[in-house]
Amino acid sequence: MEVTSAIWIITIACFLGLFLIDFLLVDARPHVFKHSDAVKWVILYVALALVFAAAIWLNFGKDYGQQFFAGWITEYSLSVDNLFVFIVLMSSFAVPQQLKHRVLLIGVLLAIFLRTILIVLGAAAIQRFEATFFIFAGFLFYTAISVWRSQGEEPDPEGNSFVRLVEKVIPTTTAYDGTKYFIKLDGKRSITPLFLVILAVGTTDLLFALDSIPAVFGLTKEPYLVFAANAFALMGLRQLYFLLDGLLAKIVYLSKGLAVILGFISVKLFLEALGATTDVYVPHVEIAASLMFIAGTLGVTIFVSLWAVRRNPALASHSQIAEALDESAEHKGEALDYLADSLTQDHTDADSQSDN
């Protein structure tokens, strides 16, 4: 697949343009993002992803179009797990309702930038060492088992270690001041919790990228398609946050379906790596078959989940979303409390040093 620099530049410019339009239309005047608004934007981003898939199909061939489509569906599905962590982070930082869309918008933009770095590194590793696919396969298989057992990464309600480092190095305030990221406090420029929670969303996403990017590389070896699949998935992910009380809350077996998909891709990666590095004959899994398996697995997962919840509505109260909401209530305001304690301790230490 020959992707020129001009195509890369145009693609990135289009994504940035979409973010700018989203920002100007929704966040020019911060307000509570409604359920109906979220539905419209989800439909828009899904439609744009389908148009992009059709453009790839027409200009580069059927296989590449299917590779993007399979990668996008997989990435979009895996990214739903991000939402559960975002729920906890939003609650922990006590983000005002009218600022949540802005936090997700800019946080996801940061996440795409950081993921792009991982994609470049992953592509370079694959190009130099075909055996890298063995590592990806093993990691994805381990992840599949963890997801099946629902033992994913526990969200850090205080952000993450990097966010806490920023808090210690840069003067920080515990109070929101509208949409401001920096304010002057005691003559010093300080960062607000809005800046910190955006940083937490963007950097915490890297934990999930370590799972999902190898999965997409298992479906296509084209960095351009891996980047586009990640960008479209994350752009459409933000609006799903505001639909958590709808259909998503009823997909109680989502983790099982995702585990099956990850397990399938890990086996596919292992076979491809074995065929590329040895003389052993291995069957080749066509991208069309991969796409059918992924779409079929998701379809069965959704159907069985809805059927089970209809027969036993109590199942919805034990879903991942329900657990995330419970955890968010448990950690409500915890990050701000931690920040306040840190600031108090810093002032105490400073006073002790001045007395001495």
Protein backbone atom coordinates (compact mmCIF):
# COMPACT_ATOMS: atom_id res chain seq x y z
CA MET A 1 0.00 0.00 0.00
CA GLU A 2 1.68 3.20 -1.21
CA VAL A 3 0.71 6.08 1.08
CA THR A 4 2.42 9.32 0.09
CA SER A 5 3.37 12.12 2.46
CA ALA A 6 0.63 14.23 0.90
CA ILE A 7 -2.02 11.63 1.86
CA TRP A 8 -0.69 11.53 5.42
CA ILE A 9 -0.78 15.32 5.70
CA ILE A 10 -4.29 15.57 4.23
CA THR A 11 -5.58 12.81 6.53
CA ILE A 12 -4.13 14.40 9.68
CA ALA A 13 -5.41 17.82 8.57
CA CYS A 14 -8.92 16.36 8.11
CA PHE A 15 -8.87 14.82 11.59
CA LEU A 16 -7.71 18.09 13.12
CA GLY A 17 -10.42 19.89 11.16
CA LEU A 18 -13.08 17.56 12.57
CA PHE A 19 -11.84 18.22 16.09
CA LEU A 20 -11.92 21.96 15.44
CA ILE A 21 -15.50 21.77 14.11
CA ASP A 22 -16.52 19.65 17.11
CA PHE A 23 -14.86 22.12 19.46
CA LEU A 24 -16.47 25.18 17.85
CA LEU A 25 -19.95 23.66 17.59
CA VAL A 26 -20.12 22.02 21.01
CA ASP A 27 -17.57 23.69 23.29
CA ALA A 28 -17.64 27.30 22.15
CA ARG A 29 -20.22 27.67 24.92
CA PRO A 30 -19.69 24.83 27.42
CA HIS A 31 -23.00 23.20 28.33
CA VAL A 32 -24.40 19.87 29.42
CA PHE A 33 -24.00 17.43 26.51
CA LYS A 34 -27.38 15.77 25.99
CA HIS A 35 -28.19 12.17 25.10
CA SER A 36 -29.70 13.26 21.77
CA ASP A 37 -26.56 15.24 20.90
CA ALA A 38 -24.40 12.19 21.59
CA VAL A 39 -26.51 9.99 19.31
CA LYS A 40 -26.15 12.45 16.40
CA TRP A 41 -22.37 12.69 16.77
CA VAL A 42 -21.94 8.90 17.11
CA ILE A 43 -23.90 8.42 13.88
CA LEU A 44 -21.77 11.09 12.18
CA TYR A 45 -18.44 9.53 13.18
CA VAL A 46 -19.59 6.02 12.26
CA ALA A 47 -20.74 7.32 8.86
CA LEU A 48 -17.37 9.05 8.33
CA ALA A 49 -15.51 5.84 9.19
CA LEU A 50 -17.62 3.92 6.67
CA VAL A 51 -16.96 6.56 4.00
CA PHE A 52 -13.22 6.32 4.75
CA ALA A 53 -13.38 2.52 4.45
CA ALA A 54 -15.12 2.86 1.07
CA ALA A 55 -12.47 5.36 -0.10
CA ILE A 56 -9.66 2.96 0.89
CA TRP A 57 -11.48 0.10 -0.88
CA LEU A 58 -11.90 2.10 -4.11
CA ASN A 59 -8.40 3.61 -4.20
CA PHE A 60 -6.22 0.86 -2.72
CA GLY A 61 -8.22 -2.33 -3.16
CA LYS A 62 -10.70 -4.59 -1.40
CA ASP A 63 -8.19 -6.15 1.00
CA TYR A 64 -7.02 -2.83 2.41
CA GLY A 65 -10.60 -1.61 2.75
CA GLN A 66 -11.47 -4.74 4.73
CA GLN A 67 -8.32 -4.40 6.82
CA PHE A 68 -9.29 -0.89 7.88
CA PHE A 69 -12.88 -1.90 8.57
CA ALA A 70 -11.81 -4.90 10.68
CA GLY A 71 -9.24 -2.78 12.55
CA TRP A 72 -11.74 0.01 13.19
CA ILE A 73 -14.45 -2.32 14.53
CA THR A 74 -11.93 -4.07 16.76
CA GLU A 75 -10.43 -0.82 18.04
CA TYR A 76 -13.85 0.74 18.62
CA SER A 77 -15.01 -2.30 20.58
CA LEU A 78 -11.84 -2.50 22.68
CA SER A 79 -11.96 1.25 23.35
CA VAL A 80 -15.28 0.87 25.17
CA ASP A 81 -13.23 -0.33 28.15
CA ASN A 82 -11.67 3.14 28.25
CA LEU A 83 -15.06 4.58 29.14
CA PHE A 84 -15.20 2.68 32.42
CA VAL A 85 -11.93 4.28 33.49
CA PHE A 86 -13.03 7.70 32.23
CA ILE A 87 -16.12 7.44 34.47
CA VAL A 88 -13.92 6.96 37.54
CA LEU A 89 -11.50 9.75 36.53
CA MET A 90 -14.32 12.23 35.89
CA SER A 91 -15.86 11.50 39.27
CA SER A 92 -12.53 11.50 41.08
CA PHE A 93 -11.70 14.96 39.70
CA ALA A 94 -15.30 16.10 40.31
CA VAL A 95 -15.56 17.45 36.75
CA PRO A 96 -18.58 19.77 36.32
CA GLN A 97 -21.16 18.30 33.95
CA GLN A 98 -20.81 21.12 31.43
CA LEU A 99 -17.04 20.52 31.13
CA LYS A 100 -17.09 16.75 30.60
CA HIS A 101 -17.33 16.95 26.81
CA ARG A 102 -14.34 19.31 26.66
CA VAL A 103 -12.29 17.01 28.89
CA LEU A 104 -13.00 14.07 26.59
CA LEU A 105 -12.47 16.09 23.42
CA ILE A 106 -9.01 17.39 24.31
CA GLY A 107 -8.07 14.27 26.30
CA VAL A 108 -8.77 12.09 23.26
CA LEU A 109 -6.76 14.44 21.03
CA LEU A 110 -3.82 13.95 23.40
CA ALA A 111 -4.45 10.19 23.38
CA ILE A 112 -4.35 10.05 19.56
CA PHE A 113 -1.03 11.93 19.57
CA LEU A 114 0.48 9.52 22.12
CA ARG A 115 -0.92 6.48 20.30
CA THR A 116 0.63 7.70 17.06
CA ILE A 117 4.04 7.53 18.73
CA LEU A 118 3.36 3.90 19.75
CA ILE A 119 2.16 3.05 16.23
CA VAL A 120 5.37 4.44 14.71
CA LEU A 121 7.49 2.48 17.19
CA GLY A 122 5.46 -0.70 16.62
CA ALA A 123 5.70 -0.40 12.84
CA ALA A 124 9.48 0.11 13.05
CA ALA A 125 9.84 -2.94 15.30
CA ILE A 126 7.78 -5.11 12.95
CA GLN A 127 9.71 -3.94 9.90
CA ARG A 128 13.05 -4.83 11.49
CA PHE A 129 12.05 -7.95 13.40
CA GLU A 130 9.22 -10.13 12.08
CA ALA A 131 9.49 -12.10 15.30
CA THR A 132 7.89 -9.08 17.02
CA PHE A 133 4.56 -10.70 16.11
CA PHE A 134 5.38 -13.53 18.54
CA ILE A 135 5.57 -10.94 21.33
CA PHE A 136 2.33 -9.32 20.19
CA ALA A 137 0.61 -12.71 19.97
CA GLY A 138 1.69 -13.74 23.47
CA PHE A 139 0.70 -10.41 24.96
CA LEU A 140 -2.73 -10.45 23.29
CA PHE A 141 -3.37 -14.03 24.43
CA TYR A 142 -2.55 -13.07 28.01
CA THR A 143 -4.81 -10.01 27.66
CA ALA A 144 -7.62 -12.16 26.28
CA ILE A 145 -7.49 -14.41 29.35
CA SER A 146 -7.47 -11.36 31.66
CA VAL A 147 -10.41 -9.76 29.85
CA TRP A 148 -12.38 -13.03 29.95
CA ARG A 149 -11.85 -13.13 33.71
CA SER A 150 -12.66 -9.39 33.85
CA GLN A 151 -9.33 -8.66 35.49
CA GLY A 152 -8.44 -5.55 33.51
CA GLU A 153 -6.33 -2.62 34.68
CA GLU A 154 -7.72 -1.00 37.79
CA PRO A 155 -8.20 2.72 37.19
CA ASP A 156 -6.09 5.02 39.33
CA PRO A 157 -8.59 7.55 40.75
CA GLU A 158 -5.80 10.09 41.27
CA GLY A 159 -4.89 10.02 37.57
CA ASN A 160 -1.55 8.21 37.26
CA SER A 161 2.07 8.59 38.34
CA PHE A 162 2.80 11.08 35.57
CA VAL A 163 -0.12 13.31 36.63
CA ARG A 164 1.04 13.22 40.25
CA LEU A 165 4.55 14.19 39.11
CA VAL A 166 3.10 17.19 37.26
CA GLU A 167 1.20 18.18 40.42
CA LYS A 168 4.42 18.18 42.42
CA VAL A 169 6.52 20.06 39.86
CA ILE A 170 4.02 22.73 38.73
CA PRO A 171 1.98 24.94 41.09
CA THR A 172 -1.59 23.63 41.17
CA THR A 173 -4.97 24.75 42.45
CA THR A 174 -7.87 22.55 43.58
CA ALA A 175 -10.61 24.84 42.23
CA TYR A 176 -12.07 24.90 38.73
CA ASP A 177 -12.26 28.31 37.08
CA GLY A 178 -14.60 27.84 34.12
CA THR A 179 -12.70 26.59 31.08
CA LYS A 180 -9.35 27.96 32.22
CA TYR A 181 -6.36 25.64 32.30
CA PHE A 182 -4.04 28.14 34.01
CA ILE A 183 -4.75 30.86 36.56
CA LYS A 184 -2.64 33.23 38.64
CA LEU A 185 -2.58 32.31 42.31
CA ASP A 186 -0.48 34.23 44.82
CA GLY A 187 1.39 35.78 41.91
CA LYS A 188 2.23 32.37 40.43
CA ARG A 189 0.80 30.79 37.29
CA SER A 190 -0.93 27.59 38.44
CA ILE A 191 -2.66 24.76 36.60
CA THR A 192 -6.30 23.95 37.32
CA PRO A 193 -7.93 20.54 37.85
CA LEU A 194 -9.32 20.86 34.30
CA PHE A 195 -5.77 20.65 32.93
CA LEU A 196 -4.94 17.71 35.21
CA VAL A 197 -7.99 15.61 34.35
CA ILE A 198 -7.40 16.12 30.60
CA LEU A 199 -3.81 15.00 31.15
CA ALA A 200 -5.07 11.99 33.13
CA VAL A 201 -7.51 10.95 30.38
CA GLY A 202 -4.90 11.25 27.62
CA THR A 203 -2.07 9.46 29.40
CA THR A 204 -4.19 6.75 31.04
CA ASP A 205 -5.41 5.78 27.56
CA LEU A 206 -1.88 4.51 26.84
CA LEU A 207 -2.58 1.51 29.09
CA PHE A 208 -5.32 0.43 26.70
CA ALA A 209 -3.28 1.28 23.62
CA LEU A 210 -0.75 -1.36 24.70
CA ASP A 211 -3.52 -3.93 24.18
CA SER A 212 -5.41 -2.53 21.22
CA ILE A 213 -2.61 -1.38 18.91
CA PRO A 214 -1.03 -4.88 18.69
CA ALA A 215 -4.55 -6.21 18.00
CA VAL A 216 -4.98 -3.88 15.02
CA PHE A 217 -1.48 -4.73 13.77
CA GLY A 218 -2.70 -8.33 13.80
CA LEU A 219 -5.28 -7.35 11.16
CA THR A 220 -3.19 -4.99 9.03
CA LYS A 221 0.51 -4.26 8.81
CA GLU A 222 -0.11 -0.81 7.30
CA PRO A 223 0.73 1.98 9.83
CA TYR A 224 -1.58 4.34 7.95
CA LEU A 225 -4.57 2.05 8.47
CA VAL A 226 -3.62 1.39 12.11
CA PHE A 227 -3.48 5.15 12.72
CA ALA A 228 -6.80 5.79 10.96
CA ALA A 229 -8.54 2.93 12.82
CA ASN A 230 -7.34 4.32 16.16
CA ALA A 231 -8.26 7.91 15.29
CA PHE A 232 -11.78 7.07 14.11
CA ALA A 233 -12.39 4.78 17.10
CA LEU A 234 -11.29 7.37 19.66
CA MET A 235 -13.17 10.19 17.95
CA GLY A 236 -16.40 8.20 18.08
CA LEU A 237 -15.63 6.97 21.58
CA ARG A 238 -16.20 10.32 23.28
CA GLN A 239 -19.90 10.46 22.52
CA LEU A 240 -20.43 6.89 23.73
CA TYR A 241 -19.55 8.19 27.21
CA PHE A 242 -22.87 10.04 27.22
CA LEU A 243 -24.80 6.93 26.12
CA LEU A 244 -23.68 4.64 28.91
CA ASP A 245 -27.16 4.45 30.41
CA GLY A 246 -28.61 3.15 27.13
CA LEU A 247 -27.78 0.11 25.04
CA LEU A 248 -24.17 -0.19 26.27
CA ALA A 249 -25.32 -0.82 29.83
CA LYS A 250 -27.19 -3.91 28.61
CA ILE A 251 -24.27 -5.55 26.81
CA VAL A 252 -23.34 -7.54 29.90
CA TYR A 253 -21.17 -10.10 28.07
CA LEU A 254 -19.01 -7.52 26.27
CA SER A 255 -15.83 -8.63 28.03
CA LYS A 256 -16.42 -12.23 26.91
CA GLY A 257 -16.87 -11.18 23.30
CA LEU A 258 -13.77 -8.98 23.36
CA ALA A 259 -11.75 -11.80 24.92
CA VAL A 260 -12.76 -14.15 22.08
CA ILE A 261 -11.75 -11.53 19.49
CA LEU A 262 -8.39 -10.91 21.17
CA GLY A 263 -7.78 -14.66 21.41
CA PHE A 264 -8.55 -15.07 17.70
CA ILE A 265 -6.19 -12.25 16.71
CA SER A 266 -3.42 -13.63 18.94
CA VAL A 267 -3.66 -17.03 17.19
CA LYS A 268 -3.69 -15.28 13.79
CA LEU A 269 -0.57 -13.30 14.74
CA PHE A 270 1.21 -16.41 16.01
CA LEU A 271 0.51 -18.32 12.77
CA GLU A 272 1.72 -15.39 10.64
CA ALA A 273 4.90 -15.04 12.70
CA LEU A 274 5.52 -18.80 12.51
CA GLY A 275 5.07 -18.78 8.74
CA ALA A 276 7.34 -15.75 8.29
CA THR A 277 10.21 -16.96 10.48
CA THR A 278 10.23 -20.72 9.80
CA ASP A 279 9.67 -23.19 6.95
CA VAL A 280 6.69 -24.69 8.74
CA TYR A 281 3.48 -24.62 6.69
CA VAL A 282 0.71 -22.72 8.45
CA PRO A 283 -2.79 -21.87 7.21
CA HIS A 284 -3.30 -18.24 6.20
CA VAL A 285 -6.35 -16.49 7.61
CA GLU A 286 -7.73 -14.12 4.97
CA ILE A 287 -8.79 -10.65 6.08
CA ALA A 288 -12.35 -11.30 4.86
CA ALA A 289 -12.56 -14.31 7.21
CA SER A 290 -11.15 -12.22 10.06
CA LEU A 291 -13.70 -9.48 9.42
CA MET A 292 -16.57 -11.99 9.38
CA PHE A 293 -15.35 -13.59 12.62
CA ILE A 294 -15.01 -10.24 14.43
CA ALA A 295 -18.37 -8.90 13.22
CA GLY A 296 -20.05 -12.24 13.97
CA THR A 297 -18.60 -12.40 17.48
CA LEU A 298 -19.77 -8.88 18.27
CA GLY A 299 -23.21 -9.62 16.84
CA VAL A 300 -23.58 -12.78 18.94
CA THR A 301 -22.29 -10.94 22.03
CA ILE A 302 -24.87 -8.17 21.65
CA PHE A 303 -27.75 -10.58 20.88
CA VAL A 304 -26.99 -12.92 23.80
CA SER A 305 -26.49 -9.97 26.19
CA LEU A 306 -29.81 -8.36 25.28
CA TRP A 307 -31.58 -11.72 25.44
CA ALA A 308 -30.11 -12.49 28.87
CA VAL A 309 -30.98 -9.04 30.28
CA ARG A 310 -34.52 -9.35 28.96
CA ARG A 311 -34.93 -12.66 30.77
CA ASN A 312 -33.14 -11.44 33.90
CA PRO A 313 -33.01 -7.60 34.19
CA ALA A 314 -30.91 -7.92 37.37
CA LEU A 315 -27.91 -8.86 35.20
CA ALA A 316 -27.59 -5.22 34.09
CA SER A 317 -26.82 -4.21 37.67
CA HIS A 318 -23.71 -6.42 37.57
CA SER A 319 -22.38 -5.17 34.23
CA GLN A 320 -19.00 -3.46 33.82
CA ILE A 321 -20.75 -0.12 33.50
CA ALA A 322 -22.66 -0.67 36.73
CA GLU A 323 -19.42 -1.58 38.51
CA ALA A 324 -17.69 1.50 37.07
CA LEU A 325 -20.52 3.74 38.28
CA ASP A 326 -20.29 2.21 41.76
CA GLU A 327 -16.55 2.75 41.79
CA SER A 328 -16.92 6.33 40.59
CA ALA A 329 -19.27 7.04 43.51
CA GLU A 330 -16.74 5.47 45.88
CA HIS A 331 -13.89 7.66 44.59
CA LYS A 332 -15.91 10.85 44.04
CA GLY A 333 -13.65 13.89 44.57
CA GLU A 334 -10.73 11.71 45.68
CA ALA A 335 -8.22 13.25 43.27
CA LEU A 336 -9.05 16.76 44.47
CA ASP A 337 -8.77 15.61 48.11
CA TYR A 338 -5.37 14.10 47.34
CA LEU A 339 -4.31 17.32 45.65
CA ALA A 340 -5.51 19.42 48.59
CA ASP A 341 -3.57 17.19 51.03
CA SER A 342 -0.43 17.52 48.88
CA LEU A 343 -0.72 21.30 48.78
CA THR A 344 -1.25 21.43 52.55
CA GLN A 345 1.79 19.24 53.11
CA ASP A 346 3.89 21.44 50.81
CA HIS A 347 2.86 24.56 52.72
CA THR A 348 3.63 22.83 56.03
CA ASP A 349 7.09 21.80 54.81
CA ALA A 350 7.75 25.31 53.52
CA ASP A 351 6.74 26.85 56.87
CA SER A 352 8.97 24.39 58.74
CA GLN A 353 11.95 25.32 56.57
CA SER A 354 11.32 29.07 57.05
CA ASP A 355 11.17 28.60 60.85
CA ASN A 356 14.49 26.81 60.79
